């Protein structure tokens, strides 16, 4: 889990660099301001939203032991 942020940071840095280089002129300068990185911002935003969705799904699917035992007790009480 500790490596995920390090690898993700390096990948996003690489993406920012590639997008900046594609927008730069021959002197390796992009004078368009924030639009030089606009595609990288969209990619980064989508990656963050995807990460939040995956985390929410895994969190929702995780069984909490106390709730599982409580649900089991309720089912047994209904069967009596």
Foldseek 3Di string as FASTA:
>chain_A
DVVVVVVVVVVLVVVQVVLLQVQADPVSDHPPPPVSRVVSVVVVVVVVVVVVVVVVVVVVPDDDVVVVVVVVVVVVVVVD
